[in-house]
Amino acid sequence: MGLGGDYYPIPWQALTYVASREAFATDITEDKLKAAPTYEKADLHDREEARRIHQHFGVPFSWRENCQIPCG
């Protein structure tokens, strides 16, 4: 997700697909998003970093050993 010139890793669990709009929606506030790590700062292959991102957005974290990224 992008805001201004920054991009943020948003866990899939924080998004809801709205078929009538053919888009994803979220209840993440702008302030919450601005306080989140950006792609530039986040190491998405680091399990603890991924856990912190999930905690920041208040969604469950799961990691499967056979995945290269957090899997739900």
Protein backbone atom coordinates (compact mmCIF):
# COMPACT_ATOMS: atom_id res chain seq x y z
CA MET A 1 0.00 0.00 0.00
CA GLY A 2 1.34 3.45 -0.77
CA LEU A 3 0.94 6.80 0.92
CA GLY A 4 2.72 9.71 -0.66
CA GLY A 5 6.08 8.42 -1.86
CA ASP A 6 6.30 5.61 0.71
CA TYR A 7 5.18 1.99 0.42
CA TYR A 8 4.12 -0.15 3.38
CA PRO A 9 4.00 -3.93 3.80
CA ILE A 10 0.42 -4.62 4.88
CA PRO A 11 -0.39 -8.14 6.11
CA TRP A 12 -3.12 -9.81 4.05
CA GLN A 13 -5.10 -10.37 7.27
CA ALA A 14 -5.48 -6.58 7.57
CA LEU A 15 -7.30 -6.42 4.21
CA THR A 16 -10.79 -7.43 3.18
CA TYR A 17 -11.75 -8.06 -0.44
CA VAL A 18 -14.90 -6.17 -1.46
CA ALA A 19 -16.26 -7.93 -4.55
CA SER A 20 -18.69 -5.15 -5.46
CA ARG A 21 -15.76 -2.73 -5.71
CA GLU A 22 -13.30 -5.32 -7.04
CA ALA A 23 -10.81 -3.94 -4.53
CA PHE A 24 -9.35 -4.50 -1.10
CA ALA A 25 -10.46 -2.37 1.84
CA THR A 26 -8.98 -1.83 5.29
CA ASP A 27 -9.77 0.04 8.47
CA ILE A 28 -6.14 1.08 8.97
CA THR A 29 -5.96 4.77 9.86
CA GLU A 30 -3.58 7.15 8.17
CA ASP A 31 -1.75 7.69 11.47
CA LYS A 32 -1.33 3.93 11.97
CA LEU A 33 -0.01 3.57 8.44
CA LYS A 34 2.44 6.47 8.80
CA ALA A 35 3.84 4.85 11.98
CA ALA A 36 4.39 1.51 10.20
CA PRO A 37 7.71 0.38 8.73
CA THR A 38 8.13 1.13 5.04
CA TYR A 39 9.38 -1.33 2.43
CA GLU A 40 12.73 0.47 2.45
CA LYS A 41 13.15 -0.21 6.19
CA ALA A 42 11.45 -3.61 6.48
CA ASP A 43 13.32 -6.86 5.90
CA LEU A 44 10.42 -9.07 4.82
CA HIS A 45 12.58 -12.21 4.98
CA ASP A 46 13.28 -11.67 8.67
CA ARG A 47 10.76 -13.57 10.78
CA GLU A 48 10.97 -11.16 13.72
CA GLU A 49 10.52 -8.14 11.46
CA ALA A 50 7.48 -9.79 9.89
CA ARG A 51 6.13 -10.50 13.39
CA ARG A 52 6.57 -6.83 14.36
CA ILE A 53 4.73 -5.72 11.21
CA HIS A 54 1.81 -8.04 11.99
CA GLN A 55 1.75 -6.85 15.61
CA HIS A 56 1.77 -3.22 14.46
CA PHE A 57 -1.40 -3.83 12.43
CA GLY A 58 -2.99 -6.02 15.14
CA VAL A 59 -3.35 -9.16 13.04
CA PRO A 60 -2.26 -12.75 13.76
CA PHE A 61 1.19 -13.81 12.62
CA SER A 62 1.99 -17.19 11.15
CA TRP A 63 5.10 -18.43 9.40
CA ARG A 64 5.50 -21.67 7.54
CA GLU A 65 9.03 -22.95 7.18
CA ASN A 66 8.54 -23.82 3.50
CA CYS A 67 7.54 -20.23 2.61
CA GLN A 68 9.98 -17.50 1.75
CA ILE A 69 7.56 -14.86 3.09
CA PRO A 70 5.03 -14.92 5.96
CA CYS A 71 2.19 -17.25 5.03
CA GLY A 72 -1.33 -17.18 6.42
